[in-house]
Amino acid sequence: MATPNFVILYVDQPQQSGAFYSALLGREPVESSPTFVLFVLDAGFKLGLWSRHTVEPAAATSGGGAEIVFALDTPDAVDAAHADWS
């Protein structure tokens, strides 16, 4: 089975979402335009933020969503990350 290495989130405002993820991830995007922002993370994993208004083919559903998991070792690490990100 192939291992996924790219996640695209459909977002309302890619530039605003890009600024959020830039601060969260501690890195700048490798590509940025008004409709798409791309981050390349460790080991080559990619996170794309694509305008839900311009995605091709058009999204067939409204709302949308996704989940990104940041696995941490302890509850204290979770609390520290939450405090840092807040």
N, C-alpha and C. Protein backbone atom coordinates (compact mmCIF):
# COMPACT_ATOMS: atom_id res chain seq x y z
N MET A 1 0.84 -1.18 0.00
CA MET A 1 0.00 0.00 0.00
C MET A 1 0.89 1.24 0.00
N ALA A 2 0.51 2.23 -0.80
CA ALA A 2 1.26 3.48 -0.87
C ALA A 2 1.07 4.29 0.41
N THR A 3 2.10 4.99 0.80
CA THR A 3 2.04 5.85 1.98
C THR A 3 1.72 7.26 1.56
N PRO A 4 0.63 7.83 2.06
CA PRO A 4 0.32 9.22 1.70
C PRO A 4 1.44 10.16 2.15
N ASN A 5 1.73 11.15 1.30
CA ASN A 5 2.76 12.12 1.68
C ASN A 5 2.32 13.55 1.37
N PHE A 6 1.01 13.74 1.16
CA PHE A 6 0.51 15.05 0.77
C PHE A 6 -0.93 15.17 1.25
N VAL A 7 -1.23 16.22 1.93
CA VAL A 7 -2.60 16.52 2.34
C VAL A 7 -2.95 17.89 1.81
N ILE A 8 -4.11 18.00 1.17
CA ILE A 8 -4.61 19.30 0.72
C ILE A 8 -5.87 19.62 1.51
N LEU A 9 -5.88 20.77 2.12
CA LEU A 9 -7.06 21.26 2.81
C LEU A 9 -7.71 22.34 1.96
N TYR A 10 -9.01 22.24 1.75
CA TYR A 10 -9.74 23.30 1.07
C TYR A 10 -10.06 24.36 2.11
N VAL A 11 -9.60 25.57 1.88
CA VAL A 11 -9.75 26.65 2.86
C VAL A 11 -10.41 27.86 2.21
N ASP A 12 -10.97 28.71 3.02
CA ASP A 12 -11.65 29.90 2.52
C ASP A 12 -10.65 30.95 2.06
N GLN A 13 -9.58 31.15 2.82
CA GLN A 13 -8.58 32.18 2.52
C GLN A 13 -7.18 31.59 2.65
N PRO A 14 -6.61 31.09 1.55
CA PRO A 14 -5.30 30.43 1.62
C PRO A 14 -4.20 31.27 2.26
N GLN A 15 -4.12 32.55 1.98
CA GLN A 15 -3.06 33.38 2.55
C GLN A 15 -3.20 33.47 4.06
N GLN A 16 -4.40 33.66 4.55
CA GLN A 16 -4.63 33.74 5.99
C GLN A 16 -4.35 32.39 6.66
N SER A 17 -4.81 31.31 6.02
CA SER A 17 -4.53 29.98 6.55
C SER A 17 -3.03 29.69 6.50
N GLY A 18 -2.37 30.14 5.44
CA GLY A 18 -0.93 29.97 5.32
C GLY A 18 -0.17 30.64 6.45
N ALA A 19 -0.60 31.83 6.83
CA ALA A 19 0.05 32.54 7.94
C ALA A 19 -0.12 31.76 9.24
N PHE A 20 -1.31 31.20 9.45
CA PHE A 20 -1.57 30.39 10.65
C PHE A 20 -0.64 29.18 10.69
N TYR A 21 -0.59 28.43 9.59
CA TYR A 21 0.24 27.22 9.56
C TYR A 21 1.73 27.55 9.59
N SER A 22 2.13 28.67 9.03
CA SER A 22 3.52 29.08 9.09
C SER A 22 3.95 29.28 10.54
N ALA A 23 3.12 29.94 11.32
CA ALA A 23 3.42 30.14 12.74
C ALA A 23 3.37 28.82 13.50
N LEU A 24 2.40 27.99 13.20
CA LEU A 24 2.23 26.71 13.89
C LEU A 24 3.40 25.77 13.59
N LEU A 25 3.81 25.71 12.34
CA LEU A 25 4.85 24.78 11.92
C LEU A 25 6.26 25.34 12.07
N GLY A 26 6.38 26.66 12.24
CA GLY A 26 7.69 27.28 12.39
C GLY A 26 8.50 27.28 11.10
N ARG A 27 7.81 27.40 9.96
CA ARG A 27 8.51 27.45 8.67
C ARG A 27 7.66 28.21 7.66
N GLU A 28 8.32 28.67 6.63
CA GLU A 28 7.65 29.41 5.57
C GLU A 28 7.20 28.44 4.47
N PRO A 29 6.15 28.80 3.75
CA PRO A 29 5.73 27.95 2.63
C PRO A 29 6.76 27.97 1.51
N VAL A 30 6.79 26.89 0.71
CA VAL A 30 7.69 26.86 -0.45
C VAL A 30 7.01 27.42 -1.69
N GLU A 31 5.70 27.54 -1.62
CA GLU A 31 4.92 28.12 -2.72
C GLU A 31 3.76 28.89 -2.11
N SER A 32 3.46 30.05 -2.68
CA SER A 32 2.37 30.85 -2.15
C SER A 32 1.78 31.73 -3.26
N SER A 33 0.48 31.59 -3.46
CA SER A 33 -0.24 32.44 -4.40
C SER A 33 -1.58 32.79 -3.75
N PRO A 34 -2.38 33.65 -4.36
CA PRO A 34 -3.67 33.98 -3.74
C PRO A 34 -4.61 32.79 -3.57
N THR A 35 -4.40 31.71 -4.35
CA THR A 35 -5.33 30.58 -4.28
C THR A 35 -4.71 29.29 -3.75
N PHE A 36 -3.39 29.27 -3.49
CA PHE A 36 -2.75 28.04 -3.04
C PHE A 36 -1.49 28.35 -2.26
N VAL A 37 -1.30 27.62 -1.17
CA VAL A 37 -0.09 27.72 -0.34
C VAL A 37 0.40 26.30 -0.09
N LEU A 38 1.72 26.09 -0.21
CA LEU A 38 2.29 24.75 -0.03
C LEU A 38 3.44 24.78 0.95
N PHE A 39 3.39 23.86 1.91
CA PHE A 39 4.48 23.64 2.86
C PHE A 39 5.06 22.27 2.59
N VAL A 40 6.39 22.16 2.64
CA VAL A 40 7.06 20.87 2.61
C VAL A 40 7.62 20.64 4.00
N LEU A 41 7.18 19.58 4.62
CA LEU A 41 7.56 19.29 6.00
C LEU A 41 8.66 18.25 6.03
N ASP A 42 9.02 17.82 7.24
CA ASP A 42 10.07 16.83 7.42
C ASP A 42 9.77 15.57 6.61
N ALA A 43 10.80 14.95 6.12
CA ALA A 43 10.73 13.72 5.33
C ALA A 43 9.91 13.90 4.05
N GLY A 44 9.74 15.16 3.62
CA GLY A 44 9.07 15.41 2.35
C GLY A 44 7.56 15.47 2.39
N PHE A 45 6.95 15.28 3.55
CA PHE A 45 5.49 15.37 3.64
C PHE A 45 5.05 16.78 3.25
N LYS A 46 3.97 16.88 2.46
CA LYS A 46 3.50 18.18 1.97
C LYS A 46 2.11 18.50 2.52
N LEU A 47 1.91 19.77 2.83
CA LEU A 47 0.62 20.28 3.25
C LEU A 47 0.24 21.41 2.30
N GLY A 48 -0.85 21.22 1.57
CA GLY A 48 -1.34 22.24 0.65
C GLY A 48 -2.62 22.87 1.17
N LEU A 49 -2.75 24.16 0.95
CA LEU A 49 -3.95 24.91 1.33
C LEU A 49 -4.50 25.52 0.05
N TRP A 50 -5.61 24.99 -0.43
CA TRP A 50 -6.16 25.39 -1.72
C TRP A 50 -7.49 26.11 -1.50
N SER A 51 -7.67 27.21 -2.18
CA SER A 51 -8.92 27.96 -2.07
C SER A 51 -10.10 27.08 -2.46
N ARG A 52 -11.04 26.94 -1.56
CA ARG A 52 -12.22 26.12 -1.86
C ARG A 52 -13.06 26.74 -2.97
N HIS A 53 -12.78 28.01 -3.29
CA HIS A 53 -13.52 28.71 -4.33
C HIS A 53 -12.96 28.45 -5.72
N THR A 54 -11.71 27.97 -5.80
CA THR A 54 -11.07 27.79 -7.10
C THR A 54 -10.58 26.36 -7.35
N VAL A 55 -10.80 25.46 -6.40
CA VAL A 55 -10.31 24.09 -6.54
C VAL A 55 -10.90 23.44 -7.80
N GLU A 56 -10.07 22.70 -8.52
CA GLU A 56 -10.48 22.03 -9.76
C GLU A 56 -10.20 20.54 -9.63
N PRO A 57 -11.15 19.68 -9.87
CA PRO A 57 -12.55 19.99 -10.13
C PRO A 57 -13.21 20.53 -8.87
N ALA A 58 -14.29 21.27 -9.06
CA ALA A 58 -14.98 21.92 -7.95
C ALA A 58 -15.40 20.90 -6.91
N ALA A 59 -15.28 21.28 -5.65
CA ALA A 59 -15.70 20.41 -4.56
C ALA A 59 -17.21 20.20 -4.62
N ALA A 60 -17.63 18.97 -4.46
CA ALA A 60 -19.05 18.64 -4.57
C ALA A 60 -19.80 18.81 -3.26
N THR A 61 -19.09 19.06 -2.17
CA THR A 61 -19.74 19.21 -0.88
C THR A 61 -19.48 20.58 -0.31
N SER A 62 -20.32 20.98 0.61
CA SER A 62 -20.08 22.25 1.31
C SER A 62 -19.47 21.95 2.67
N GLY A 63 -18.93 22.95 3.28
CA GLY A 63 -18.33 22.76 4.59
C GLY A 63 -16.94 22.19 4.47
N GLY A 64 -16.85 20.88 4.46
CA GLY A 64 -15.56 20.22 4.33
C GLY A 64 -14.83 20.19 5.65
N GLY A 65 -13.70 19.61 5.66
CA GLY A 65 -12.90 19.55 6.86
C GLY A 65 -11.84 18.49 6.74
N ALA A 66 -10.99 18.44 7.70
CA ALA A 66 -9.92 17.47 7.75
C ALA A 66 -9.37 17.45 9.16
N GLU A 67 -8.48 16.51 9.38
CA GLU A 67 -7.84 16.42 10.68
C GLU A 67 -6.37 16.16 10.47
N ILE A 68 -5.56 16.91 11.18
CA ILE A 68 -4.13 16.70 11.17
C ILE A 68 -3.73 16.33 12.59
N VAL A 69 -3.01 15.24 12.71
CA VAL A 69 -2.64 14.74 14.03
C VAL A 69 -1.19 15.10 14.34
N PHE A 70 -0.98 15.64 15.51
CA PHE A 70 0.36 15.90 16.04
C PHE A 70 0.52 14.97 17.24
N ALA A 71 1.13 13.83 17.04
CA ALA A 71 1.29 12.86 18.12
C ALA A 71 2.36 13.33 19.09
N LEU A 72 2.01 13.37 20.36
CA LEU A 72 2.94 13.78 21.41
C LEU A 72 3.03 12.67 22.44
N ASP A 73 4.13 12.64 23.19
CA ASP A 73 4.43 11.51 24.07
C ASP A 73 3.66 11.49 25.39
N THR A 74 3.33 12.67 25.94
CA THR A 74 2.72 12.71 27.27
C THR A 74 1.61 13.75 27.32
N PRO A 75 0.73 13.62 28.30
CA PRO A 75 -0.28 14.67 28.49
C PRO A 75 0.35 16.04 28.75
N ASP A 76 1.47 16.08 29.48
CA ASP A 76 2.14 17.36 29.72
C ASP A 76 2.63 17.98 28.41
N ALA A 77 3.10 17.15 27.48
CA ALA A 77 3.54 17.65 26.18
C ALA A 77 2.36 18.22 25.40
N VAL A 78 1.19 17.58 25.52
CA VAL A 78 -0.03 18.10 24.88
C VAL A 78 -0.39 19.45 25.46
N ASP A 79 -0.37 19.54 26.78
CA ASP A 79 -0.69 20.82 27.43
C ASP A 79 0.30 21.92 27.04
N ALA A 80 1.58 21.59 26.97
CA ALA A 80 2.59 22.57 26.60
C ALA A 80 2.41 23.03 25.15
N ALA A 81 2.11 22.09 24.25
CA ALA A 81 1.88 22.46 22.86
C ALA A 81 0.64 23.35 22.73
N HIS A 82 -0.42 23.00 23.45
CA HIS A 82 -1.64 23.81 23.41
C HIS A 82 -1.35 25.23 23.92
N ALA A 83 -0.63 25.34 24.99
CA ALA A 83 -0.29 26.66 25.53
C ALA A 83 0.55 27.46 24.54
N ASP A 84 1.51 26.79 23.91
CA ASP A 84 2.37 27.46 22.93
C ASP A 84 1.58 27.92 21.72
N TRP A 85 0.70 27.07 21.21
CA TRP A 85 -0.07 27.38 20.00
C TRP A 85 -1.17 28.41 20.26
N SER A 86 -1.61 28.50 21.52
CA SER A 86 -2.66 29.46 21.86
C SER A 86 -2.07 30.84 21.94
